[in-house]
PDB file of all heavy atoms in Angstrom:
ATOM      1  N   PHE A   1       2.903   4.052 -20.055  1.00  0.00           N
ATOM      2  CA  PHE A   1       4.150   3.543 -19.868  1.00  0.00           C
ATOM      3  C   PHE A   1       4.332   2.811 -18.447  1.00  0.00           C
ATOM      4  O   PHE A   1       5.442   2.573 -17.917  1.00  0.00           O
ATOM      5  CB  PHE A   1       5.279   4.606 -19.892  1.00  0.00           C
ATOM      6  CG  PHE A   1       5.386   5.125 -21.413  1.00  0.00           C
ATOM      7  CD1 PHE A   1       5.872   6.409 -21.562  1.00  0.00           C
ATOM      8  CD2 PHE A   1       4.755   4.484 -22.483  1.00  0.00           C
ATOM      9  CE1 PHE A   1       6.053   6.937 -22.776  1.00  0.00           C
ATOM     10  CE2 PHE A   1       4.952   5.003 -23.671  1.00  0.00           C
ATOM     11  CZ  PHE A   1       5.447   6.246 -23.961  1.00  0.00           C
ATOM     12  N   ASP A   2       3.206   2.671 -17.679  1.00  0.00           N
ATOM     13  CA  ASP A   2       3.343   2.212 -16.353  1.00  0.00           C
ATOM     14  C   ASP A   2       3.796   0.851 -16.091  1.00  0.00           C
ATOM     15  O   ASP A   2       3.393  -0.116 -16.873  1.00  0.00           O
ATOM     16  CB  ASP A   2       1.955   2.310 -15.674  1.00  0.00           C
ATOM     17  CG  ASP A   2       1.493   3.649 -15.097  1.00  0.00           C
ATOM     18  OD1 ASP A   2       2.308   4.607 -15.295  1.00  0.00           O
ATOM     19  OD2 ASP A   2       0.361   3.845 -14.622  1.00  0.00           O
ATOM     20  N   PHE A   3       4.640   0.614 -15.209  1.00  0.00           N
ATOM     21  CA  PHE A   3       4.984  -0.733 -14.646  1.00  0.00           C
ATOM     22  C   PHE A   3       4.722  -0.886 -13.284  1.00  0.00           C
ATOM     23  O   PHE A   3       4.919  -1.934 -12.670  1.00  0.00           O
ATOM     24  CB  PHE A   3       6.431  -1.129 -15.057  1.00  0.00           C
ATOM     25  CG  PHE A   3       7.514  -0.334 -14.401  1.00  0.00           C
ATOM     26  CD1 PHE A   3       7.999  -0.560 -13.179  1.00  0.00           C
ATOM     27  CD2 PHE A   3       8.041   0.746 -15.020  1.00  0.00           C
ATOM     28  CE1 PHE A   3       9.033   0.095 -12.566  1.00  0.00           C
ATOM     29  CE2 PHE A   3       9.104   1.472 -14.514  1.00  0.00           C
ATOM     30  CZ  PHE A   3       9.589   1.189 -13.236  1.00  0.00           C
ATOM     31  N   LEU A   4       4.174   0.272 -12.591  1.00  0.00           N
ATOM     32  CA  LEU A   4       3.802   0.241 -11.185  1.00  0.00           C
ATOM     33  C   LEU A   4       2.490   0.840 -11.245  1.00  0.00           C
ATOM     34  O   LEU A   4       2.103   1.765 -11.955  1.00  0.00           O
ATOM     35  CB  LEU A   4       4.739   0.998 -10.323  1.00  0.00           C
ATOM     36  CG  LEU A   4       6.249   0.501 -10.205  1.00  0.00           C
ATOM     37  CD1 LEU A   4       7.086   1.519  -9.606  1.00  0.00           C
ATOM     38  CD2 LEU A   4       6.299  -0.796  -9.553  1.00  0.00           C
ATOM     39  N   SER A   5       1.563   0.461 -10.234  1.00  0.00           N
ATOM     40  CA  SER A   5       0.223   1.048 -10.068  1.00  0.00           C
ATOM     41  C   SER A   5       0.455   2.183  -8.912  1.00  0.00           C
ATOM     42  O   SER A   5       0.850   1.764  -7.774  1.00  0.00           O
ATOM     43  CB  SER A   5      -0.825   0.089  -9.591  1.00  0.00           C
ATOM     44  OG  SER A   5      -1.837   0.625  -8.959  1.00  0.00           O
ATOM     45  N   PRO A   6       0.352   3.378  -9.136  1.00  0.00           N
ATOM     46  CA  PRO A   6       0.418   4.366  -8.042  1.00  0.00           C
ATOM     47  C   PRO A   6      -0.422   4.058  -6.920  1.00  0.00           C
ATOM     48  O   PRO A   6      -0.038   4.172  -5.664  1.00  0.00           O
ATOM     49  CB  PRO A   6       0.198   5.734  -8.707  1.00  0.00           C
ATOM     50  CG  PRO A   6       0.478   5.510 -10.159  1.00  0.00           C
ATOM     51  CD  PRO A   6       0.058   4.006 -10.479  1.00  0.00           C
ATOM     52  N   CYS A   7      -1.785   3.619  -7.267  1.00  0.00           N
ATOM     53  CA  CYS A   7      -2.556   3.298  -6.056  1.00  0.00           C
ATOM     54  C   CYS A   7      -2.186   2.159  -5.172  1.00  0.00           C
ATOM     55  O   CYS A   7      -2.003   2.207  -4.016  1.00  0.00           O
ATOM     56  CB  CYS A   7      -4.048   3.207  -6.569  1.00  0.00           C
ATOM     57  SG  CYS A   7      -4.809   4.739  -7.192  1.00  0.00           S
ATOM     58  N   LEU A   8      -1.849   1.063  -5.915  1.00  0.00           N
ATOM     59  CA  LEU A   8      -1.526  -0.147  -5.310  1.00  0.00           C
ATOM     60  C   LEU A   8      -0.296  -0.156  -4.552  1.00  0.00           C
ATOM     61  O   LEU A   8      -0.025  -0.846  -3.496  1.00  0.00           O
ATOM     62  CB  LEU A   8      -1.673  -1.376  -6.284  1.00  0.00           C
ATOM     63  CG  LEU A   8      -2.954  -1.713  -6.756  1.00  0.00           C
ATOM     64  CD1 LEU A   8      -2.944  -2.990  -7.701  1.00  0.00           C
ATOM     65  CD2 LEU A   8      -3.995  -1.984  -5.568  1.00  0.00           C
ATOM     66  N   GLN A   9       0.829   0.601  -5.109  1.00  0.00           N
ATOM     67  CA  GLN A   9       2.129   0.701  -4.488  1.00  0.00           C
ATOM     68  C   GLN A   9       1.878   1.390  -3.138  1.00  0.00           C
ATOM     69  O   GLN A   9       2.578   1.025  -2.119  1.00  0.00           O
ATOM     70  CB  GLN A   9       3.155   1.375  -5.446  1.00  0.00           C
ATOM     71  CG  GLN A   9       3.581   0.598  -6.538  1.00  0.00           C
ATOM     72  CD  GLN A   9       4.226  -0.647  -6.076  1.00  0.00           C
ATOM     73  OE1 GLN A   9       5.056  -0.703  -5.117  1.00  0.00           O
ATOM     74  NE2 GLN A   9       3.969  -1.784  -6.759  1.00  0.00           N
ATOM     75  N   GLU A  10       0.991   2.348  -3.088  1.00  0.00           N
ATOM     76  CA  GLU A  10       0.791   2.999  -1.837  1.00  0.00           C
ATOM     77  C   GLU A  10       0.058   1.981  -0.749  1.00  0.00           C
ATOM     78  O   GLU A  10       0.314   2.004   0.299  1.00  0.00           O
ATOM     79  CB  GLU A  10      -0.239   4.159  -2.020  1.00  0.00           C
ATOM     80  CG  GLU A  10      -0.429   5.001  -0.830  1.00  0.00           C
ATOM     81  CD  GLU A  10      -1.057   6.479  -1.142  1.00  0.00           C
ATOM     82  OE1 GLU A  10      -0.957   6.933  -2.355  1.00  0.00           O
ATOM     83  OE2 GLU A  10      -1.729   6.972  -0.397  1.00  0.00           O
ATOM     84  N   VAL A  11      -0.846   1.194  -1.246  1.00  0.00           N
ATOM     85  CA  VAL A  11      -1.435   0.098  -0.505  1.00  0.00           C
ATOM     86  C   VAL A  11      -0.332  -0.777   0.055  1.00  0.00           C
ATOM     87  O   VAL A  11      -0.428  -1.183   1.282  1.00  0.00           O
ATOM     88  CB  VAL A  11      -2.461  -0.785  -1.407  1.00  0.00           C
ATOM     89  CG1 VAL A  11      -2.895  -1.960  -0.569  1.00  0.00           C
ATOM     90  CG2 VAL A  11      -3.683   0.123  -1.748  1.00  0.00           C
ATOM     91  N   ASP A  12       0.593  -1.205  -0.669  1.00  0.00           N
ATOM     92  CA  ASP A  12       1.625  -2.122  -0.247  1.00  0.00           C
ATOM     93  C   ASP A  12       2.417  -1.519   0.854  1.00  0.00           C
ATOM     94  O   ASP A  12       2.720  -2.246   1.872  1.00  0.00           O
ATOM     95  CB  ASP A  12       2.476  -2.391  -1.482  1.00  0.00           C
ATOM     96  CG  ASP A  12       3.217  -3.754  -1.347  1.00  0.00           C
ATOM     97  OD1 ASP A  12       2.517  -4.744  -0.877  1.00  0.00           O
ATOM     98  OD2 ASP A  12       4.284  -3.945  -1.854  1.00  0.00           O
ATOM     99  N   ILE A  13       2.832  -0.263   0.672  1.00  0.00           N
ATOM    100  CA  ILE A  13       3.712   0.219   1.833  1.00  0.00           C
ATOM    101  C   ILE A  13       2.924   0.520   3.141  1.00  0.00           C
ATOM    102  O   ILE A  13       3.356   0.149   4.240  1.00  0.00           O
ATOM    103  CB  ILE A  13       4.492   1.523   1.430  1.00  0.00           C
ATOM    104  CG1 ILE A  13       5.409   2.030   2.604  1.00  0.00           C
ATOM    105  CG2 ILE A  13       3.518   2.610   0.938  1.00  0.00           C
ATOM    106  CD1 ILE A  13       6.392   1.086   3.037  1.00  0.00           C
ATOM    107  N   MET A  14       1.646   0.941   2.948  1.00  0.00           N
ATOM    108  CA  MET A  14       0.797   1.212   4.066  1.00  0.00           C
ATOM    109  C   MET A  14       0.363  -0.025   4.809  1.00  0.00           C
ATOM    110  O   MET A  14       0.261  -0.228   6.080  1.00  0.00           O
ATOM    111  CB  MET A  14      -0.358   2.009   3.725  1.00  0.00           C
ATOM    112  CG  MET A  14      -0.097   3.380   3.314  1.00  0.00           C
ATOM    113  SD  MET A  14       1.016   4.437   4.432  1.00  0.00           S
ATOM    114  CE  MET A  14      -0.357   4.957   5.617  1.00  0.00           C
ATOM    115  N   ARG A  15       0.238  -1.220   3.971  1.00  0.00           N
ATOM    116  CA  ARG A  15       0.027  -2.517   4.699  1.00  0.00           C
ATOM    117  C   ARG A  15       1.167  -2.922   5.611  1.00  0.00           C
ATOM    118  O   ARG A  15       1.029  -3.552   6.646  1.00  0.00           O
ATOM    119  CB  ARG A  15      -0.120  -3.589   3.524  1.00  0.00           C
ATOM    120  CG  ARG A  15      -0.334  -4.971   4.097  1.00  0.00           C
ATOM    121  CD  ARG A  15      -0.625  -5.945   2.898  1.00  0.00           C
ATOM    122  NE  ARG A  15       0.679  -5.957   1.993  1.00  0.00           N
ATOM    123  CZ  ARG A  15       1.725  -6.796   2.279  1.00  0.00           C
ATOM    124  NH1 ARG A  15       1.787  -7.471   3.417  1.00  0.00           N
ATOM    125  NH2 ARG A  15       2.688  -6.741   1.429  1.00  0.00           N
ATOM    126  N   LYS A  16       2.283  -2.504   5.211  1.00  0.00           N
ATOM    127  CA  LYS A  16       3.499  -2.973   5.891  1.00  0.00           C
ATOM    128  C   LYS A  16       3.824  -2.012   7.232  1.00  0.00           C
ATOM    129  O   LYS A  16       4.170  -2.449   8.236  1.00  0.00           O
ATOM    130  CB  LYS A  16       4.855  -2.833   5.103  1.00  0.00           C
ATOM    131  CG  LYS A  16       4.676  -3.903   3.882  1.00  0.00           C
ATOM    132  CD  LYS A  16       5.898  -3.704   2.944  1.00  0.00           C
ATOM    133  CE  LYS A  16       5.755  -4.768   1.941  1.00  0.00           C
ATOM    134  NZ  LYS A  16       6.886  -4.651   0.855  1.00  0.00           N
ATOM    135  N   VAL A  17       3.387  -0.710   7.155  1.00  0.00           N
ATOM    136  CA  VAL A  17       3.802   0.239   8.169  1.00  0.00           C
ATOM    137  C   VAL A  17       2.730   0.436   9.136  1.00  0.00           C
ATOM    138  O   VAL A  17       3.020   0.877  10.292  1.00  0.00           O
ATOM    139  CB  VAL A  17       4.339   1.471   7.650  1.00  0.00           C
ATOM    140  CG1 VAL A  17       5.523   1.349   6.691  1.00  0.00           C
ATOM    141  CG2 VAL A  17       3.188   2.311   6.996  1.00  0.00           C
ATOM    142  N   LEU A  18       1.396   0.173   8.803  1.00  0.00           N
ATOM    143  CA  LEU A  18       0.352   0.389   9.617  1.00  0.00           C
ATOM    144  C   LEU A  18       0.092  -0.783  10.610  1.00  0.00           C
ATOM    145  O   LEU A  18       0.331  -1.927  10.137  1.00  0.00           O
ATOM    146  CB  LEU A  18      -0.896   0.913   8.887  1.00  0.00           C
ATOM    147  CG  LEU A  18      -0.947   2.167   8.281  1.00  0.00           C
ATOM    148  CD1 LEU A  18      -2.266   2.353   7.604  1.00  0.00           C
ATOM    149  CD2 LEU A  18      -0.725   3.309   9.335  1.00  0.00           C
ATOM    150  N   PRO A  19      -0.361  -0.580  11.855  1.00  0.00           N
ATOM    151  CA  PRO A  19      -0.690  -1.760  12.712  1.00  0.00           C
ATOM    152  C   PRO A  19      -1.913  -2.503  11.983  1.00  0.00           C
ATOM    153  O   PRO A  19      -2.602  -1.842  11.293  1.00  0.00           O
ATOM    154  CB  PRO A  19      -1.211  -1.094  14.020  1.00  0.00           C
ATOM    155  CG  PRO A  19      -0.602   0.366  13.972  1.00  0.00           C
ATOM    156  CD  PRO A  19      -0.498   0.687  12.609  1.00  0.00           C
ATOM    157  N   LYS A  20      -1.921  -3.865  12.266  1.00  0.00           N
ATOM    158  CA  LYS A  20      -2.848  -4.679  11.481  1.00  0.00           C
ATOM    159  C   LYS A  20      -4.252  -4.313  11.792  1.00  0.00           C
ATOM    160  O   LYS A  20      -5.105  -4.559  10.902  1.00  0.00           O
ATOM    161  CB  LYS A  20      -2.585  -6.038  11.951  1.00  0.00           C
ATOM    162  CG  LYS A  20      -3.161  -7.150  10.941  1.00  0.00           C
ATOM    163  CD  LYS A  20      -2.598  -8.466  11.168  1.00  0.00           C
ATOM    164  CE  LYS A  20      -2.995  -9.366   9.985  1.00  0.00           C
ATOM    165  NZ  LYS A  20      -2.530 -10.797  10.101  1.00  0.00           N
ATOM    166  N   ALA A  21      -4.493  -3.675  12.896  1.00  0.00           N
ATOM    167  CA  ALA A  21      -5.935  -3.277  13.141  1.00  0.00           C
ATOM    168  C   ALA A  21      -6.271  -1.955  12.621  1.00  0.00           C
ATOM    169  O   ALA A  21      -7.370  -1.607  12.269  1.00  0.00           O
ATOM    170  CB  ALA A  21      -6.239  -3.125  14.637  1.00  0.00           C
ATOM    171  N   ALA A  22      -5.234  -1.072  12.168  1.00  0.00           N
ATOM    172  CA  ALA A  22      -5.433   0.170  11.697  1.00  0.00           C
ATOM    173  C   ALA A  22      -5.566   0.128  10.157  1.00  0.00           C
ATOM    174  O   ALA A  22      -6.187   1.126   9.560  1.00  0.00           O
ATOM    175  CB  ALA A  22      -4.308   1.104  12.095  1.00  0.00           C
ATOM    176  N   PHE A  23      -4.832  -0.714   9.540  1.00  0.00           N
ATOM    177  CA  PHE A  23      -4.774  -0.678   8.043  1.00  0.00           C
ATOM    178  C   PHE A  23      -6.119  -0.873   7.357  1.00  0.00           C
ATOM    179  O   PHE A  23      -6.509  -0.118   6.404  1.00  0.00           O
ATOM    180  CB  PHE A  23      -3.847  -1.792   7.501  1.00  0.00           C
ATOM    181  CG  PHE A  23      -3.899  -1.865   5.999  1.00  0.00           C
ATOM    182  CD1 PHE A  23      -3.018  -1.003   5.242  1.00  0.00           C
ATOM    183  CD2 PHE A  23      -4.611  -2.933   5.436  1.00  0.00           C
ATOM    184  CE1 PHE A  23      -3.004  -1.201   3.901  1.00  0.00           C
ATOM    185  CE2 PHE A  23      -4.555  -3.001   4.035  1.00  0.00           C
ATOM    186  CZ  PHE A  23      -3.848  -2.200   3.287  1.00  0.00           C
ATOM    187  N   PRO A  24      -7.047  -1.736   7.928  1.00  0.00           N
ATOM    188  CA  PRO A  24      -8.458  -1.850   7.257  1.00  0.00           C
ATOM    189  C   PRO A  24      -9.159  -0.497   7.245  1.00  0.00           C
ATOM    190  O   PRO A  24      -9.924  -0.215   6.341  1.00  0.00           O
ATOM    191  CB  PRO A  24      -9.082  -2.923   7.990  1.00  0.00           C
ATOM    192  CG  PRO A  24      -7.945  -3.720   8.585  1.00  0.00           C
ATOM    193  CD  PRO A  24      -6.875  -2.794   8.898  1.00  0.00           C
TER     194      PRO A  24
END
């Protein structure tokens, strides 16, 4: 019944909150 990916949604928020050098 998924309409969200648990893994990818986590990627999305961490891409936004982590410094650009730290996210990779």
